[in-house]
Amino acid sequence: LKQLEKEAGEDEEIYDKMACWCTTNDREKTKSIADAEARIEDLTNKIEELTAVSARLNTEIKNHEKEVAENQASLDKATAIREKQLAEFNAEEKDLLESISALKAAVTVLSK
């Protein structure tokens, strides 16, 4: 009988420890789950926000690429015009230098 009472006491003590552990563990796990669910919600919102930002930035990139292409075309056109003007200038300068040389030669001939 004493043995049974002793074992019953030990069992009750173990039960109390287990009940305390279960209660504490349940509370901790419930809080951890709630924290994790809140974090999941925050991260889901952040993903949606960043997806929208990504879409906006992709649109901006496409617009900038279009602008760069247009600017490059304008630059190429302006470069071609400048090259043509340079060629015309060089040809005119050559003609003028030849005219000056001819005039100098004429002045020399006429001054003799």
C-alpha atoms as a PDB file:
ATOM      1  CA  LEU A   1       0.000   0.000   0.000  1.00  0.00           C
ATOM      2  CA  LYS A   2       2.828   2.344   0.855  1.00  0.00           C
ATOM      3  CA  GLN A   3       4.494   1.382  -2.411  1.00  0.00           C
ATOM      4  CA  LEU A   4       1.307   2.225  -4.336  1.00  0.00           C
ATOM      5  CA  GLU A   5       0.945   5.567  -2.558  1.00  0.00           C
ATOM      6  CA  LYS A   6       4.583   6.358  -3.273  1.00  0.00           C
ATOM      7  CA  GLU A   7       4.189   5.448  -6.934  1.00  0.00           C
ATOM      8  CA  ALA A   8       0.930   7.428  -7.101  1.00  0.00           C
ATOM      9  CA  GLY A   9       2.740  10.451  -5.659  1.00  0.00           C
ATOM     10  CA  GLU A  10       5.572  10.082  -8.144  1.00  0.00           C
ATOM     11  CA  ASP A  11       3.076   9.648 -10.977  1.00  0.00           C
ATOM     12  CA  GLU A  12       1.190  12.747  -9.865  1.00  0.00           C
ATOM     13  CA  GLU A  13       4.444  14.707  -9.688  1.00  0.00           C
ATOM     14  CA  ILE A  14       5.416  13.554 -13.205  1.00  0.00           C
ATOM     15  CA  TYR A  15       1.893  14.375 -14.431  1.00  0.00           C
ATOM     16  CA  ASP A  16       2.120  17.894 -12.949  1.00  0.00           C
ATOM     17  CA  LYS A  17       5.488  18.433 -14.661  1.00  0.00           C
ATOM     18  CA  MET A  18       4.099  17.151 -17.975  1.00  0.00           C
ATOM     19  CA  ALA A  19       0.965  19.280 -17.658  1.00  0.00           C
ATOM     20  CA  CYS A  20       3.101  22.342 -16.913  1.00  0.00           C
ATOM     21  CA  TRP A  21       5.411  21.546 -19.845  1.00  0.00           C
ATOM     22  CA  CYS A  22       2.425  20.989 -22.169  1.00  0.00           C
ATOM     23  CA  THR A  23       0.818  24.263 -21.124  1.00  0.00           C
ATOM     24  CA  THR A  24       4.060  26.207 -21.470  1.00  0.00           C
ATOM     25  CA  ASN A  25       4.972  24.477 -24.734  1.00  0.00           C
ATOM     26  CA  ASP A  26       1.471  25.018 -26.130  1.00  0.00           C
ATOM     27  CA  ARG A  27       1.630  28.724 -25.262  1.00  0.00           C
ATOM     28  CA  GLU A  28       5.079  29.085 -26.864  1.00  0.00           C
ATOM     29  CA  LYS A  29       4.094  27.161 -29.985  1.00  0.00           C
ATOM     30  CA  THR A  30       0.851  29.137 -30.353  1.00  0.00           C
ATOM     31  CA  LYS A  31       2.808  32.393 -30.094  1.00  0.00           C
ATOM     32  CA  SER A  32       5.429  31.133 -32.569  1.00  0.00           C
ATOM     33  CA  ILE A  33       2.703  30.131 -35.016  1.00  0.00           C
ATOM     34  CA  ALA A  34       0.998  33.527 -34.678  1.00  0.00           C
ATOM     35  CA  ASP A  35       4.336  35.300 -35.175  1.00  0.00           C
ATOM     36  CA  ALA A  36       5.121  33.164 -38.227  1.00  0.00           C
ATOM     37  CA  GLU A  37       1.675  33.795 -39.729  1.00  0.00           C
ATOM     38  CA  ALA A  38       2.117  37.545 -39.192  1.00  0.00           C
ATOM     39  CA  ARG A  39       5.539  37.363 -40.828  1.00  0.00           C
ATOM     40  CA  ILE A  40       4.077  35.416 -43.759  1.00  0.00           C
ATOM     41  CA  GLU A  41       1.436  38.112 -44.196  1.00  0.00           C
ATOM     42  CA  ASP A  42       4.077  40.865 -44.027  1.00  0.00           C
ATOM     43  CA  LEU A  43       6.283  39.086 -46.536  1.00  0.00           C
ATOM     44  CA  THR A  44       3.330  38.441 -48.859  1.00  0.00           C
ATOM     45  CA  ASN A  45       2.487  42.143 -48.767  1.00  0.00           C
ATOM     46  CA  LYS A  46       6.143  43.013 -49.376  1.00  0.00           C
ATOM     47  CA  ILE A  47       6.260  40.626 -52.355  1.00  0.00           C
ATOM     48  CA  GLU A  48       3.158  42.247 -53.845  1.00  0.00           C
ATOM     49  CA  GLU A  49       4.605  45.716 -53.263  1.00  0.00           C
ATOM     50  CA  LEU A  50       7.956  44.808 -54.805  1.00  0.00           C
ATOM     51  CA  THR A  51       6.244  43.088 -57.742  1.00  0.00           C
ATOM     52  CA  ALA A  52       4.423  46.341 -58.473  1.00  0.00           C
ATOM     53  CA  VAL A  53       7.681  48.291 -58.175  1.00  0.00           C
ATOM     54  CA  SER A  54       9.387  45.795 -60.485  1.00  0.00           C
ATOM     55  CA  ALA A  55       6.642  46.170 -63.090  1.00  0.00           C
ATOM     56  CA  ARG A  56       6.891  49.967 -62.901  1.00  0.00           C
ATOM     57  CA  LEU A  57      10.676  49.882 -63.218  1.00  0.00           C
ATOM     58  CA  ASN A  58      10.480  47.484 -66.174  1.00  0.00           C
ATOM     59  CA  THR A  59       8.136  49.938 -67.896  1.00  0.00           C
ATOM     60  CA  GLU A  60      10.521  52.798 -67.140  1.00  0.00           C
ATOM     61  CA  ILE A  61      13.449  50.771 -68.497  1.00  0.00           C
ATOM     62  CA  LYS A  62      11.575  50.115 -71.749  1.00  0.00           C
ATOM     63  CA  ASN A  63      10.749  53.828 -72.051  1.00  0.00           C
ATOM     64  CA  HIS A  64      14.378  54.772 -71.390  1.00  0.00           C
ATOM     65  CA  GLU A  65      15.597  52.220 -73.930  1.00  0.00           C
ATOM     66  CA  LYS A  66      13.215  53.757 -76.480  1.00  0.00           C
ATOM     67  CA  GLU A  67      14.523  57.240 -75.632  1.00  0.00           C
ATOM     68  CA  VAL A  68      18.121  56.058 -75.946  1.00  0.00           C
ATOM     69  CA  ALA A  69      17.357  54.526 -79.357  1.00  0.00           C
ATOM     70  CA  GLU A  70      15.696  57.766 -80.509  1.00  0.00           C
ATOM     71  CA  ASN A  71      18.598  59.839 -79.181  1.00  0.00           C
ATOM     72  CA  GLN A  72      21.105  57.528 -80.865  1.00  0.00           C
ATOM     73  CA  ALA A  73      19.220  57.885 -84.162  1.00  0.00           C
ATOM     74  CA  SER A  74      19.260  61.678 -83.778  1.00  0.00           C
ATOM     75  CA  LEU A  75      22.960  61.594 -82.953  1.00  0.00           C
ATOM     76  CA  ASP A  76      23.690  59.407 -85.979  1.00  0.00           C
ATOM     77  CA  LYS A  77      21.689  61.785 -88.210  1.00  0.00           C
ATOM     78  CA  ALA A  78      23.479  64.836 -86.781  1.00  0.00           C
ATOM     79  CA  THR A  79      26.846  63.115 -87.191  1.00  0.00           C
ATOM     80  CA  ALA A  80      26.069  62.337 -90.830  1.00  0.00           C
ATOM     81  CA  ILE A  81      25.052  65.983 -91.421  1.00  0.00           C
ATOM     82  CA  ARG A  82      28.257  67.233 -89.751  1.00  0.00           C
ATOM     83  CA  GLU A  83      30.378  64.839 -91.817  1.00  0.00           C
ATOM     84  CA  LYS A  84      28.667  66.072 -95.000  1.00  0.00           C
ATOM     85  CA  GLN A  85      29.213  69.691 -93.942  1.00  0.00           C
ATOM     86  CA  LEU A  86      32.867  68.937 -93.196  1.00  0.00           C
ATOM     87  CA  ALA A  87      33.339  67.378 -96.623  1.00  0.00           C
ATOM     88  CA  GLU A  88      31.675  70.403 -98.258  1.00  0.00           C
ATOM     89  CA  PHE A  89      33.832  72.765 -96.182  1.00  0.00           C
ATOM     90  CA  ASN A  90      36.998  70.881 -97.070  1.00  0.00           C
ATOM     91  CA  ALA A  91      36.088  70.978-100.783  1.00  0.00           C
ATOM     92  CA  GLU A  92      35.270  74.713-100.626  1.00  0.00           C
ATOM     93  CA  GLU A  93      38.443  75.417 -98.644  1.00  0.00           C
ATOM     94  CA  LYS A  94      40.489  73.538-101.246  1.00  0.00           C
ATOM     95  CA  ASP A  95      38.849  75.561-104.028  1.00  0.00           C
ATOM     96  CA  LEU A  96      39.483  78.822-102.173  1.00  0.00           C
ATOM     97  CA  LEU A  97      43.106  77.909-101.454  1.00  0.00           C
ATOM     98  CA  GLU A  98      43.598  77.073-105.141  1.00  0.00           C
ATOM     99  CA  SER A  99      41.983  80.408-106.052  1.00  0.00           C
ATOM    100  CA  ILE A 100      44.280  82.246-103.661  1.00  0.00           C
ATOM    101  CA  SER A 101      47.305  80.475-105.116  1.00  0.00           C
ATOM    102  CA  ALA A 102      46.138  81.348-108.631  1.00  0.00           C
ATOM    103  CA  LEU A 103      45.583  84.974-107.621  1.00  0.00           C
ATOM    104  CA  LYS A 104      49.025  85.142-106.030  1.00  0.00           C
ATOM    105  CA  ALA A 105      50.524  83.725-109.192  1.00  0.00           C
ATOM    106  CA  ALA A 106      48.548  86.262-111.254  1.00  0.00           C
ATOM    107  CA  VAL A 107      49.709  89.128-109.041  1.00  0.00           C
ATOM    108  CA  THR A 108      53.290  87.919-109.425  1.00  0.00           C
ATOM    109  CA  VAL A 109      52.929  87.715-113.203  1.00  0.00           C
ATOM    110  CA  LEU A 110      51.239  91.099-113.444  1.00  0.00           C
ATOM    111  CA  SER A 111      53.799  92.771-111.198  1.00  0.00           C
ATOM    112  CA  LYS A 112      56.693  91.790-113.504  1.00  0.00           C
END
